[in-house]
Protein backbone atom coordinates (compact mmCIF):
# COMPACT_ATOMS: atom_id res chain seq x y z
CA MET A 1 36.08 6.61 32.73
CA SER A 2 36.69 9.44 33.65
CA SER A 3 33.56 12.57 33.42
CA LYS A 4 35.87 14.60 30.32
CA LEU A 5 35.68 11.47 28.42
CA LYS A 6 31.95 10.47 28.98
CA ASN A 7 30.94 14.11 27.29
CA PHE A 8 33.62 13.39 24.98
CA ILE A 9 32.02 10.28 22.96
CA LYS A 10 28.61 11.59 24.14
CA ARG A 11 29.10 14.84 21.75
CA ILE A 12 30.69 12.20 18.63
CA LEU A 13 28.08 10.27 19.71
CA PHE A 14 25.41 13.03 18.94
CA LYS A 15 27.24 14.44 16.35
CA SER A 16 27.44 11.23 14.02
CA SER A 17 23.17 10.79 14.49
CA PHE A 18 23.10 14.66 13.54
CA ILE A 19 25.14 13.86 10.36
CA ARG A 20 23.14 10.55 9.03
CA ASN A 21 19.27 11.98 10.48
CA LEU A 22 20.64 14.81 6.64
CA VAL A 23 22.34 12.07 4.69
CA ASP A 24 18.69 10.26 5.92
CA GLU A 25 16.18 12.99 5.48
CA LYS A 26 18.39 14.25 2.21
CA ASN A 27 18.22 10.88 0.59
CA ARG A 28 14.29 10.71 1.42
CA ARG A 29 14.14 13.48 0.14
CA LYS A 30 15.53 12.59 -3.56
CA ASN A 31 13.59 9.34 -3.42
CA LYS A 32 10.31 11.10 -2.97
CA LYS A 33 11.03 13.65 -5.48
CA LEU A 34 11.87 10.64 -8.93
CA THR A 35 8.97 8.96 -7.20
CA THR A 36 7.68 10.94 -8.40
CA GLU A 37 8.79 11.80 -11.60
CA ASN A 38 8.07 8.13 -12.26
CA PHE A 39 4.66 8.55 -10.90
CA ASN A 40 3.48 11.62 -13.82
CA LYS A 41 5.48 10.53 -15.95
CA ASN A 42 4.59 6.58 -16.52
CA GLY A 43 1.73 5.91 -14.27
CA THR A 44 -1.00 6.17 -16.65
CA ALA A 45 0.84 3.78 -18.88
CA VAL A 46 1.82 0.41 -16.15
CA ILE A 47 -1.49 1.08 -14.22
CA GLY A 48 -2.87 0.43 -17.86
CA GLN A 49 -0.91 -2.46 -19.17
CA PHE A 50 -1.93 -4.60 -15.84
CA PHE A 51 -5.15 -4.00 -15.91
CA ASP A 52 -4.77 -5.35 -19.25
CA ILE A 53 -3.38 -8.14 -17.80
CA CYS A 54 -5.74 -8.43 -15.87
CA ASN A 55 -8.67 -8.89 -18.24
CA GLU A 56 -6.76 -11.09 -20.33
CA LEU A 57 -6.16 -13.07 -17.63
CA ASP A 58 -9.77 -12.92 -16.29
CA VAL A 59 -8.19 -12.35 -12.99
CA GLU A 60 -10.64 -9.83 -11.15
CA CYS A 61 -8.98 -6.48 -9.76
CA TRP A 62 -10.54 -3.31 -8.73
CA LEU A 63 -9.45 0.04 -7.31
CA VAL A 64 -9.17 0.79 -3.54
CA TYR A 65 -7.87 2.11 -0.73
CA GLY A 66 -5.76 5.60 -2.21
CA THR A 67 -6.98 4.95 -5.65
CA LEU A 68 -9.99 4.22 -5.12
CA LEU A 69 -10.20 7.63 -3.22
CA GLY A 70 -9.11 9.45 -6.28
CA CYS A 71 -10.33 7.86 -8.64
CA ILE A 72 -13.89 9.11 -6.71
CA ARG A 73 -13.46 11.72 -4.83
CA GLU A 74 -11.21 14.13 -7.71
CA ASN A 75 -12.01 12.13 -10.81
CA GLY A 76 -8.03 11.29 -11.09
CA LEU A 77 -5.42 10.64 -8.65
CA ILE A 78 -5.33 12.29 -5.00
CA LYS A 79 -1.98 14.46 -4.49
CA HIS A 80 0.34 13.60 -2.27
CA ASP A 81 -0.40 10.01 -3.73
CA TYR A 82 2.35 8.01 -5.35
CA ASP A 83 1.41 4.44 -5.92
CA PHE A 84 -1.51 2.70 -6.98
CA ASP A 85 -4.70 0.32 -4.50
CA VAL A 86 -5.64 -2.82 -6.03
CA GLY A 87 -8.28 -5.19 -4.49
CA MET A 88 -7.49 -8.67 -6.03
CA TRP A 89 -9.39 -12.23 -4.66
CA LYS A 90 -6.42 -13.99 -3.15
CA SER A 91 -8.16 -17.21 -4.61
CA ASP A 92 -7.22 -15.89 -8.28
CA PHE A 93 -3.79 -14.82 -7.02
CA ASN A 94 -1.23 -17.74 -9.11
CA GLN A 95 2.07 -17.81 -11.05
CA LYS A 96 0.45 -17.27 -14.48
CA LEU A 97 -0.22 -13.51 -12.98
CA LYS A 98 3.26 -13.62 -11.65
CA ASP A 99 4.22 -14.81 -14.93
CA LYS A 100 3.09 -13.01 -17.00
CA LEU A 101 3.16 -9.96 -15.40
CA LEU A 102 7.70 -10.26 -15.35
CA GLU A 103 7.84 -11.47 -18.90
CA ASN A 104 5.78 -8.09 -19.60
CA GLY A 105 8.43 -6.00 -17.57
CA PHE A 106 7.22 -5.90 -14.07
CA ILE A 107 9.05 -6.31 -10.98
CA LEU A 108 8.11 -8.10 -7.63
CA ALA A 109 10.06 -5.63 -5.52
CA HIS A 110 8.43 -7.06 -2.49
CA GLN A 111 5.21 -9.33 -0.54
CA PHE A 112 3.80 -9.81 2.98
CA GLU A 113 2.09 -12.71 3.86
CA GLY A 114 0.52 -13.97 7.23
CA ILE A 115 1.91 -16.36 9.82
CA ASP A 116 -0.03 -19.40 10.48
CA TYR A 117 -2.64 -16.44 9.28
CA ASP A 118 -4.03 -16.11 5.83
CA ALA A 119 -2.98 -12.71 4.89
CA PHE A 120 -1.35 -11.63 1.40
CA GLU A 121 -0.23 -8.31 -0.23
CA GLN A 122 2.38 -8.12 -3.17
CA THR A 123 4.25 -4.79 -4.65
CA TYR A 124 4.68 -4.85 -8.05
CA GLN A 125 6.96 -2.35 -9.22
CA LYS A 126 7.84 -1.60 -13.39
CA ASP A 127 9.47 1.96 -14.97
CA GLY A 128 9.30 3.61 -10.85
CA VAL A 129 5.99 3.03 -10.58
CA SER A 130 4.14 0.43 -7.95
CA ILE A 131 1.46 -1.06 -7.38
CA ASP A 132 -0.01 -2.19 -4.33
CA ILE A 133 -2.00 -5.47 -4.67
CA PHE A 134 -3.76 -5.92 -1.24
CA TYR A 135 -5.11 -10.13 -1.91
CA SER A 136 -8.89 -10.42 -0.90
CA TYR A 137 -11.48 -12.94 1.07
CA LYS A 138 -15.30 -12.29 1.22
CA ASN A 139 -18.61 -14.18 2.79
CA GLU A 140 -22.01 -13.65 2.01
CA ALA A 141 -21.98 -10.83 4.26
CA GLU A 142 -19.05 -9.11 4.21
CA THR A 143 -15.04 -8.52 2.83
CA TRP A 144 -12.30 -8.04 3.93
CA THR A 145 -8.13 -7.28 3.01
CA HIS A 146 -5.18 -7.18 5.55
CA VAL A 147 -2.50 -4.11 5.72
CA PHE A 148 0.21 -4.86 7.61
CA HIS A 149 2.15 -2.77 9.63
CA ARG A 150 4.81 -1.24 11.80
CA GLU A 151 6.53 1.34 14.16
CA LYS A 152 9.48 2.90 13.62
CA ASP A 153 10.63 1.31 17.08
CA GLU A 154 8.63 -1.70 17.16
CA GLN A 155 11.04 -3.80 19.30
CA LEU A 156 10.30 -7.21 16.44
CA PRO A 157 12.04 -7.99 13.89
CA PRO A 158 13.22 -6.14 10.93
CA GLU A 159 10.93 -8.69 9.09
CA ILE A 160 8.41 -8.83 11.61
CA TRP A 161 4.55 -6.79 10.29
CA LYS A 162 1.56 -6.58 12.39
CA VAL A 163 -1.50 -7.33 10.78
CA ARG A 164 -4.53 -4.64 10.38
CA LYS A 165 -7.52 -6.84 8.30
CA LEU A 166 -9.83 -4.25 7.49
CA PRO A 167 -14.15 -5.76 6.89
CA TYR A 168 -16.66 -4.33 4.85
CA PRO A 169 -19.58 -4.81 3.69
CA ASN A 170 -20.24 -6.99 0.66
CA LYS A 171 -21.87 -5.16 -2.03
CA GLY A 172 -20.10 -6.39 -5.33
CA LEU A 173 -18.11 -4.94 -7.42
CA THR A 174 -19.35 -1.96 -10.76
CA LYS A 175 -17.06 -0.59 -13.37
CA THR A 176 -16.19 2.62 -13.69
CA THR A 177 -13.24 5.41 -16.54
CA PHE A 178 -10.26 5.41 -14.32
CA LEU A 179 -7.50 6.58 -15.74
CA GLY A 180 -9.28 6.55 -19.82
CA LYS A 181 -10.07 3.11 -18.94
CA GLN A 182 -13.18 0.73 -17.83
CA VAL A 183 -11.93 -0.43 -14.63
CA PHE A 184 -13.89 -1.95 -11.09
CA ILE A 185 -14.87 -0.45 -8.34
CA PRO A 186 -16.73 -1.46 -5.01
CA SER A 187 -20.89 -0.87 -5.81
CA ASN A 188 -20.60 0.77 -2.36
CA ALA A 189 -17.55 2.99 -3.33
CA GLU A 190 -19.06 5.79 -1.15
CA GLU A 191 -19.90 3.75 2.67
CA TYR A 192 -16.25 1.92 1.77
CA LEU A 193 -14.47 4.90 1.99
CA ALA A 194 -16.40 6.12 4.78
CA LEU A 195 -16.12 3.59 6.82
CA THR A 196 -11.65 3.83 5.82
CA TYR A 197 -11.31 7.49 5.63
CA GLY A 198 -14.01 8.49 8.39
CA ASP A 199 -17.27 10.56 6.96
CA ASN A 200 -15.20 12.83 6.31
CA TRP A 201 -13.44 11.68 2.87
CA ARG A 202 -14.29 14.34 0.40
CA ILE A 203 -12.60 16.46 1.83
CA PRO A 204 -7.81 16.56 0.93
CA ASP A 205 -6.50 15.91 4.60
CA SER A 206 -2.44 15.11 2.75
CA ASN A 207 -2.24 14.23 7.17
CA PHE A 208 -4.78 12.10 8.01
CA ASP A 209 -4.07 8.88 10.99
CA TRP A 210 -5.32 5.69 9.71
CA LYS A 211 -4.41 5.85 13.83
CA LYS A 212 -7.34 8.28 14.55
CA GLY A 213 -10.00 7.00 11.67
CA PRO A 214 -12.15 3.92 12.07
CA TYR A 215 -10.40 0.95 11.82
CA ALA A 216 -7.33 2.87 14.98
CA ASN A 217 -8.62 -0.50 16.60
CA SER A 218 -7.78 -3.34 13.42
CA ILE A 219 -4.47 -4.47 14.86
CA LEU A 220 -5.15 -8.30 14.88
CA PRO A 221 -3.91 -9.82 18.54
CA GLY A 222 -1.44 -12.03 18.48
CA VAL A 223 -0.78 -12.26 14.55
CA PHE A 224 2.07 -11.39 12.19
CA GLY A 225 3.24 -11.49 8.58
CA LYS A 226 6.29 -11.44 7.71
CA MET A 227 7.76 -8.79 5.12
CA THR A 228 10.00 -10.92 2.06
CA ASN A 229 11.96 -8.70 -1.09
CA PHE A 230 12.96 -10.14 -3.69
C-alpha cells in the first residue's frame, strides 16, 4: 500500500471518529437534559411511591450515597445528582417486591450480580426517574454493600464489571424526613458520609472522584459481576 493511500485512509478514519464523537457528545447532552427535566418534574412523586410500596410490604430500605448526602447536607437533593440511591437488605429481596413495583408502573432497567460472589444491585425506573437499589449485608460489627465498576478502556467483555466492596460500622438505622416522607437513614450518617466521600463531605464537589477518596482501594481482586439489561 502506498504512503499516499495510507495517509488518505488515516484522514478518513480521523474524520469519521471526530464526527462520531460529536454525535455521541450531542446525544449525551440531550439525554442528560431529558434526565434532569424528568427528575425535577417527577422525582419526588416517584421516590415517595417507592417508599410507600416498601412500607406496605414491610421491606426496610434507607438512603445511601448521593441521596443520603443530599438529605444530610442539603436537607433535600444535591444539584448534580439525578437519580436516587437506596439501600436494602439482600435478605429482603423477593419476587413479591419486584412484582409490586412492576404493577405500579416501575420497570427493571438493569441489574448487576456477582459471579461466584454474593453481590447484587438493581435499577428501577418510572417516569424517567431512576432508583438504584444497593443490596446490603451485615453482621454484628459492620454492614457492607457493593458497587460495580469498569473503566472506559476496560479489557473485559461489555457485560462484565469489577466489584467494589464498601464496609461501614453497623450502628443501625434511624428515621428522618426527606422530601416530605419519613425515611430511614444510617444512625451514623455523618460517619457514613465521611467514610464514603472524605472528611470534606460537607463541601459540595461536583467533580468528586471515588478513586481519590477513602474507598480508592475498594475493588475486590479477582471478583467480577455481570450486568443484565432488561
